[in-house]
Amino acid sequence: MAREDEIDKLTQSLKVFTTKDLAEIVLHRGWRGTMASSLTWCNTLLKSLVQVNKVVKSSGYWCVPAYRGQYLGHDRGITRAIVQFLKSGHGIRAWRETSFGSLRADLIVLIEREGGDGRLAVYEEVVSERPEYLAMKIGEWRRWPGALDALSRLTGYSIPAFDLVADGQFGTWRLADFLEEIKCTS
């Protein structure tokens, strides 16, 4: 796959992002040698994606045409989490702001590892969440008897278990700790 196609695929995973977010992934993957060249290259490719209506340029950020938010704190936090997952060295598939009835996940990430083994993380961005609301949401994920079936249908894989990633409260993983864990167990 050409690098341009990979950039298109990354924009679809991120949904909303800055040039710097995308350039950080490009630099991490070694597609360009410096942050400056990564930023320049990404800007050029993003402008070409605008021409074919795959990306929209907004005030200070880029997004896929279906994005309807304003890219404020919560959305920025989700994007930053996706960037960190993409830099983990694993293949990932991400579903942003996915609803299951009244339960909505900020981000669901399938981490693909060699040998067909993988992990699934349900990530909650806590920048604007009250602790009571986060506790309720985490509790709902833990108590929901249909969670594994719903996550299996979403991903197309049989999901035997999932990890809850937030900020370490209420028995969740902190994102940095979870990323270290998947790095150590690959």
C-alpha atoms as a PDB file:
ATOM      1  CA  MET A   1       0.000   0.000   0.000  1.00  0.00           C
ATOM      2  CA  ALA A   2       1.376   3.404  -0.939  1.00  0.00           C
ATOM      3  CA  ARG A   3       2.094   5.804   1.923  1.00  0.00           C
ATOM      4  CA  GLU A   4      -0.627   8.112   0.603  1.00  0.00           C
ATOM      5  CA  ASP A   5      -3.179   5.313   1.018  1.00  0.00           C
ATOM      6  CA  GLU A   6      -1.887   4.690   4.536  1.00  0.00           C
ATOM      7  CA  ILE A   7      -2.369   8.393   5.370  1.00  0.00           C
ATOM      8  CA  ASP A   8      -5.949   8.151   4.083  1.00  0.00           C
ATOM      9  CA  LYS A   9      -6.498   5.102   6.309  1.00  0.00           C
ATOM     10  CA  LEU A  10      -5.023   6.946   9.321  1.00  0.00           C
ATOM     11  CA  THR A  11      -7.344   9.917   8.774  1.00  0.00           C
ATOM     12  CA  GLN A  12     -10.305   7.532   8.781  1.00  0.00           C
ATOM     13  CA  SER A  13      -9.150   6.052  12.114  1.00  0.00           C
ATOM     14  CA  LEU A  14      -8.537   9.429  13.715  1.00  0.00           C
ATOM     15  CA  LYS A  15     -11.708  11.106  12.350  1.00  0.00           C
ATOM     16  CA  VAL A  16     -10.579  14.528  13.651  1.00  0.00           C
ATOM     17  CA  PHE A  17      -6.966  15.621  14.143  1.00  0.00           C
ATOM     18  CA  THR A  18      -4.310  18.264  13.700  1.00  0.00           C
ATOM     19  CA  THR A  19      -1.491  18.080  11.200  1.00  0.00           C
ATOM     20  CA  LYS A  20       0.825  17.589  14.187  1.00  0.00           C
ATOM     21  CA  ASP A  21      -1.152  14.519  15.350  1.00  0.00           C
ATOM     22  CA  LEU A  22      -0.741  12.893  11.945  1.00  0.00           C
ATOM     23  CA  ALA A  23       2.893  14.006  11.581  1.00  0.00           C
ATOM     24  CA  GLU A  24       3.712  12.460  14.961  1.00  0.00           C
ATOM     25  CA  ILE A  25       2.546   9.065  13.671  1.00  0.00           C
ATOM     26  CA  VAL A  26       4.422   9.540  10.380  1.00  0.00           C
ATOM     27  CA  LEU A  27       7.641  10.380  12.236  1.00  0.00           C
ATOM     28  CA  HIS A  28       7.198   7.483  14.666  1.00  0.00           C
ATOM     29  CA  ARG A  29       6.759   5.052  11.771  1.00  0.00           C
ATOM     30  CA  GLY A  30       9.911   6.369  10.106  1.00  0.00           C
ATOM     31  CA  TRP A  31       8.184   7.567   6.946  1.00  0.00           C
ATOM     32  CA  ARG A  32       9.957  10.929   7.270  1.00  0.00           C
ATOM     33  CA  GLY A  33      13.165  11.820   9.094  1.00  0.00           C
ATOM     34  CA  THR A  34      12.175  14.933  11.035  1.00  0.00           C
ATOM     35  CA  MET A  35       9.047  16.470  12.497  1.00  0.00           C
ATOM     36  CA  ALA A  36       9.378  19.420  10.089  1.00  0.00           C
ATOM     37  CA  SER A  37       9.442  17.165   7.031  1.00  0.00           C
ATOM     38  CA  SER A  38       6.585  15.084   8.478  1.00  0.00           C
ATOM     39  CA  LEU A  39       4.459  18.206   8.963  1.00  0.00           C
ATOM     40  CA  THR A  40       5.163  19.449   5.430  1.00  0.00           C
ATOM     41  CA  TRP A  41       4.474  16.064   3.853  1.00  0.00           C
ATOM     42  CA  CYS A  42       1.255  15.575   5.841  1.00  0.00           C
ATOM     43  CA  ASN A  43      -0.006  19.043   4.919  1.00  0.00           C
ATOM     44  CA  THR A  44       0.580  18.310   1.233  1.00  0.00           C
ATOM     45  CA  LEU A  45      -1.231  14.958   1.416  1.00  0.00           C
ATOM     46  CA  LEU A  46      -4.100  16.367   3.461  1.00  0.00           C
ATOM     47  CA  LYS A  47      -4.656  19.116   0.895  1.00  0.00           C
ATOM     48  CA  SER A  48      -4.889  16.459  -1.802  1.00  0.00           C
ATOM     49  CA  LEU A  49      -7.419  14.520   0.316  1.00  0.00           C
ATOM     50  CA  VAL A  50      -9.502  17.699   0.579  1.00  0.00           C
ATOM     51  CA  GLN A  51      -9.633  17.811  -3.230  1.00  0.00           C
ATOM     52  CA  VAL A  52     -11.275  14.357  -3.347  1.00  0.00           C
ATOM     53  CA  ASN A  53     -13.627  15.083  -0.403  1.00  0.00           C
ATOM     54  CA  LYS A  54     -12.021  12.572   1.967  1.00  0.00           C
ATOM     55  CA  VAL A  55     -10.961  15.233   4.484  1.00  0.00           C
ATOM     56  CA  VAL A  56     -12.287  18.674   5.435  1.00  0.00           C
ATOM     57  CA  LYS A  57     -10.058  21.550   6.588  1.00  0.00           C
ATOM     58  CA  SER A  58     -11.477  23.379   9.583  1.00  0.00           C
ATOM     59  CA  SER A  59     -10.158  26.075  11.859  1.00  0.00           C
ATOM     60  CA  GLY A  60      -6.984  24.554  13.323  1.00  0.00           C
ATOM     61  CA  TYR A  61      -7.806  20.936  12.536  1.00  0.00           C
ATOM     62  CA  TRP A  62      -8.780  18.441   9.839  1.00  0.00           C
ATOM     63  CA  CYS A  63     -11.645  15.969   9.948  1.00  0.00           C
ATOM     64  CA  VAL A  64     -13.516  13.391   7.901  1.00  0.00           C
ATOM     65  CA  PRO A  65     -16.634  14.834   6.224  1.00  0.00           C
ATOM     66  CA  ALA A  66     -19.036  13.059   8.623  1.00  0.00           C
ATOM     67  CA  TYR A  67     -17.465  14.642  11.748  1.00  0.00           C
ATOM     68  CA  ARG A  68     -19.874  17.060  13.433  1.00  0.00           C
ATOM     69  CA  GLY A  69     -18.020  18.124  16.581  1.00  0.00           C
ATOM     70  CA  GLN A  70     -15.901  21.158  17.422  1.00  0.00           C
ATOM     71  CA  TYR A  71     -12.632  19.420  18.337  1.00  0.00           C
ATOM     72  CA  LEU A  72     -12.546  20.686  21.905  1.00  0.00           C
ATOM     73  CA  GLY A  73     -11.040  19.010  25.004  1.00  0.00           C
ATOM     74  CA  HIS A  74     -12.952  15.714  24.927  1.00  0.00           C
ATOM     75  CA  ASP A  75     -12.472  15.105  21.190  1.00  0.00           C
ATOM     76  CA  ARG A  76      -8.822  16.162  21.400  1.00  0.00           C
ATOM     77  CA  GLY A  77      -8.270  13.669  24.219  1.00  0.00           C
ATOM     78  CA  ILE A  78      -9.778  10.833  22.190  1.00  0.00           C
ATOM     79  CA  THR A  79      -7.596  11.762  19.211  1.00  0.00           C
ATOM     80  CA  ARG A  80      -4.487  11.841  21.429  1.00  0.00           C
ATOM     81  CA  ALA A  81      -5.376   8.363  22.737  1.00  0.00           C
ATOM     82  CA  ILE A  82      -5.742   7.029  19.182  1.00  0.00           C
ATOM     83  CA  VAL A  83      -2.352   8.539  18.284  1.00  0.00           C
ATOM     84  CA  GLN A  84      -0.787   6.766  21.279  1.00  0.00           C
ATOM     85  CA  PHE A  85      -2.398   3.456  20.313  1.00  0.00           C
ATOM     86  CA  LEU A  86      -1.197   3.891  16.711  1.00  0.00           C
ATOM     87  CA  LYS A  87       2.336   4.474  18.001  1.00  0.00           C
ATOM     88  CA  SER A  88       2.197   1.292  20.126  1.00  0.00           C
ATOM     89  CA  GLY A  89       3.781  -0.805  17.391  1.00  0.00           C
ATOM     90  CA  HIS A  90       0.695  -3.000  16.978  1.00  0.00           C
ATOM     91  CA  GLY A  91      -1.923  -3.017  14.300  1.00  0.00           C
ATOM     92  CA  ILE A  92      -5.042  -1.402  15.645  1.00  0.00           C
ATOM     93  CA  ARG A  93      -8.613  -0.951  14.574  1.00  0.00           C
ATOM     94  CA  ALA A  94     -10.443   1.876  16.291  1.00  0.00           C
ATOM     95  CA  TRP A  95     -14.123   2.699  16.675  1.00  0.00           C
ATOM     96  CA  ARG A  96     -14.674   6.201  17.935  1.00  0.00           C
ATOM     97  CA  GLU A  97     -17.758   7.127  19.984  1.00  0.00           C
ATOM     98  CA  THR A  98     -19.686   3.907  19.504  1.00  0.00           C
ATOM     99  CA  SER A  99     -23.073   3.405  21.130  1.00  0.00           C
ATOM    100  CA  PHE A 100     -24.663   0.214  22.384  1.00  0.00           C
ATOM    101  CA  GLY A 101     -28.151   1.295  23.342  1.00  0.00           C
ATOM    102  CA  SER A 102     -27.720   3.842  26.119  1.00  0.00           C
ATOM    103  CA  LEU A 103     -24.071   2.907  26.745  1.00  0.00           C
ATOM    104  CA  ARG A 104     -21.566   4.843  24.652  1.00  0.00           C
ATOM    105  CA  ALA A 105     -17.838   4.179  24.504  1.00  0.00           C
ATOM    106  CA  ASP A 106     -15.542   7.077  23.685  1.00  0.00           C
ATOM    107  CA  LEU A 107     -13.186   4.682  21.930  1.00  0.00           C
ATOM    108  CA  ILE A 108     -12.976   0.956  21.322  1.00  0.00           C
ATOM    109  CA  VAL A 109      -9.598  -0.322  20.172  1.00  0.00           C
ATOM    110  CA  LEU A 110      -8.792  -3.779  18.882  1.00  0.00           C
ATOM    111  CA  ILE A 111      -5.058  -4.349  19.303  1.00  0.00           C
ATOM    112  CA  GLU A 112      -3.906  -6.941  16.790  1.00  0.00           C
ATOM    113  CA  ARG A 113      -0.789  -8.924  17.623  1.00  0.00           C
ATOM    114  CA  GLU A 114       1.171 -11.574  15.802  1.00  0.00           C
ATOM    115  CA  GLY A 115      -0.186 -15.085  15.986  1.00  0.00           C
ATOM    116  CA  GLY A 116      -3.808 -13.962  15.869  1.00  0.00           C
ATOM    117  CA  ASP A 117      -3.772 -13.025  19.538  1.00  0.00           C
ATOM    118  CA  GLY A 118      -5.033  -9.596  20.485  1.00  0.00           C
ATOM    119  CA  ARG A 119      -6.670  -7.449  23.101  1.00  0.00           C
ATOM    120  CA  LEU A 120      -9.607  -5.153  23.158  1.00  0.00           C
ATOM    121  CA  ALA A 121      -9.720  -1.917  25.107  1.00  0.00           C
ATOM    122  CA  VAL A 122     -12.688   0.276  25.900  1.00  0.00           C
ATOM    123  CA  TYR A 123     -11.238   3.749  26.455  1.00  0.00           C
ATOM    124  CA  GLU A 124     -13.009   6.558  28.275  1.00  0.00           C
ATOM    125  CA  GLU A 125     -11.658  10.090  27.958  1.00  0.00           C
ATOM    126  CA  VAL A 126     -11.950  11.779  31.344  1.00  0.00           C
ATOM    127  CA  VAL A 127     -11.030  15.384  30.584  1.00  0.00           C
ATOM    128  CA  SER A 128     -14.602  16.539  31.151  1.00  0.00           C
ATOM    129  CA  GLU A 129     -16.111  13.591  33.041  1.00  0.00           C
ATOM    130  CA  ARG A 130     -17.287  13.979  36.622  1.00  0.00           C
ATOM    131  CA  PRO A 131     -15.979  11.108  38.801  1.00  0.00           C
ATOM    132  CA  GLU A 132     -19.543   9.986  39.582  1.00  0.00           C
ATOM    133  CA  TYR A 133     -20.393   9.741  35.885  1.00  0.00           C
ATOM    134  CA  LEU A 134     -17.196   7.844  35.096  1.00  0.00           C
ATOM    135  CA  ALA A 135     -17.854   5.429  37.983  1.00  0.00           C
ATOM    136  CA  MET A 136     -21.369   4.811  36.675  1.00  0.00           C
ATOM    137  CA  LYS A 137     -20.147   4.241  33.110  1.00  0.00           C
ATOM    138  CA  ILE A 138     -17.363   1.866  34.186  1.00  0.00           C
ATOM    139  CA  GLY A 139     -19.833  -0.007  36.370  1.00  0.00           C
ATOM    140  CA  GLU A 140     -22.238  -0.395  33.439  1.00  0.00           C
ATOM    141  CA  TRP A 141     -19.482  -1.897  31.277  1.00  0.00           C
ATOM    142  CA  ARG A 142     -18.588  -4.360  34.032  1.00  0.00           C
ATOM    143  CA  ARG A 143     -22.175  -5.400  34.741  1.00  0.00           C
ATOM    144  CA  TRP A 144     -23.470  -5.583  31.171  1.00  0.00           C
ATOM    145  CA  PRO A 145     -24.014  -9.280  30.381  1.00  0.00           C
ATOM    146  CA  GLY A 146     -24.127  -8.617  26.623  1.00  0.00           C
ATOM    147  CA  ALA A 147     -20.849  -6.689  26.420  1.00  0.00           C
ATOM    148  CA  LEU A 148     -18.711  -9.512  25.013  1.00  0.00           C
ATOM    149  CA  ASP A 149     -21.315 -10.398  22.374  1.00  0.00           C
ATOM    150  CA  ALA A 150     -21.729  -6.757  21.338  1.00  0.00           C
ATOM    151  CA  LEU A 151     -17.970  -6.202  21.120  1.00  0.00           C
ATOM    152  CA  SER A 152     -17.599  -9.440  19.130  1.00  0.00           C
ATOM    153  CA  ARG A 153     -20.237  -8.284  16.634  1.00  0.00           C
ATOM    154  CA  LEU A 154     -18.568  -4.876  16.316  1.00  0.00           C
ATOM    155  CA  THR A 155     -15.071  -6.245  15.699  1.00  0.00           C
ATOM    156  CA  GLY A 156     -15.893  -9.421  13.805  1.00  0.00           C
ATOM    157  CA  TYR A 157     -13.786 -11.430  16.276  1.00  0.00           C
ATOM    158  CA  SER A 158     -14.741 -13.539  19.249  1.00  0.00           C
ATOM    159  CA  ILE A 159     -13.938 -11.282  22.220  1.00  0.00           C
ATOM    160  CA  PRO A 160     -13.402 -13.314  25.419  1.00  0.00           C
ATOM    161  CA  ALA A 161     -12.536 -10.286  27.598  1.00  0.00           C
ATOM    162  CA  PHE A 162     -11.815  -6.576  27.398  1.00  0.00           C
ATOM    163  CA  ASP A 163      -9.839  -3.989  29.297  1.00  0.00           C
ATOM    164  CA  LEU A 164     -11.235  -0.708  30.604  1.00  0.00           C
ATOM    165  CA  VAL A 165      -8.825   2.179  30.105  1.00  0.00           C
ATOM    166  CA  ALA A 166      -9.389   5.637  31.578  1.00  0.00           C
ATOM    167  CA  ASP A 167      -7.301   7.360  34.222  1.00  0.00           C
ATOM    168  CA  GLY A 168      -6.726   4.571  36.714  1.00  0.00           C
ATOM    169  CA  GLN A 169      -9.803   5.334  38.798  1.00  0.00           C
ATOM    170  CA  PHE A 170     -12.379   2.676  39.631  1.00  0.00           C
ATOM    171  CA  GLY A 171     -10.104  -0.195  38.662  1.00  0.00           C
ATOM    172  CA  THR A 172      -9.370   1.033  35.139  1.00  0.00           C
ATOM    173  CA  TRP A 173      -5.988   1.125  33.458  1.00  0.00           C
ATOM    174  CA  ARG A 174      -4.220   4.438  32.981  1.00  0.00           C
ATOM    175  CA  LEU A 175      -3.526   4.797  29.250  1.00  0.00           C
ATOM    176  CA  ALA A 176       0.260   4.980  29.686  1.00  0.00           C
ATOM    177  CA  ASP A 177       0.265   1.852  31.866  1.00  0.00           C
ATOM    178  CA  PHE A 178      -1.929  -0.052  29.427  1.00  0.00           C
ATOM    179  CA  LEU A 179       0.289   0.869  26.478  1.00  0.00           C
ATOM    180  CA  GLU A 180       3.330  -0.305  28.454  1.00  0.00           C
ATOM    181  CA  GLU A 181       1.522  -3.566  29.274  1.00  0.00           C
ATOM    182  CA  ILE A 182       0.702  -4.352  25.644  1.00  0.00           C
ATOM    183  CA  LYS A 183       4.270  -3.493  24.682  1.00  0.00           C
ATOM    184  CA  CYS A 184       5.628  -5.922  27.281  1.00  0.00           C
ATOM    185  CA  THR A 185       3.261  -8.765  26.380  1.00  0.00           C
ATOM    186  CA  SER A 186       3.763  -8.738  22.619  1.00  0.00           C
END
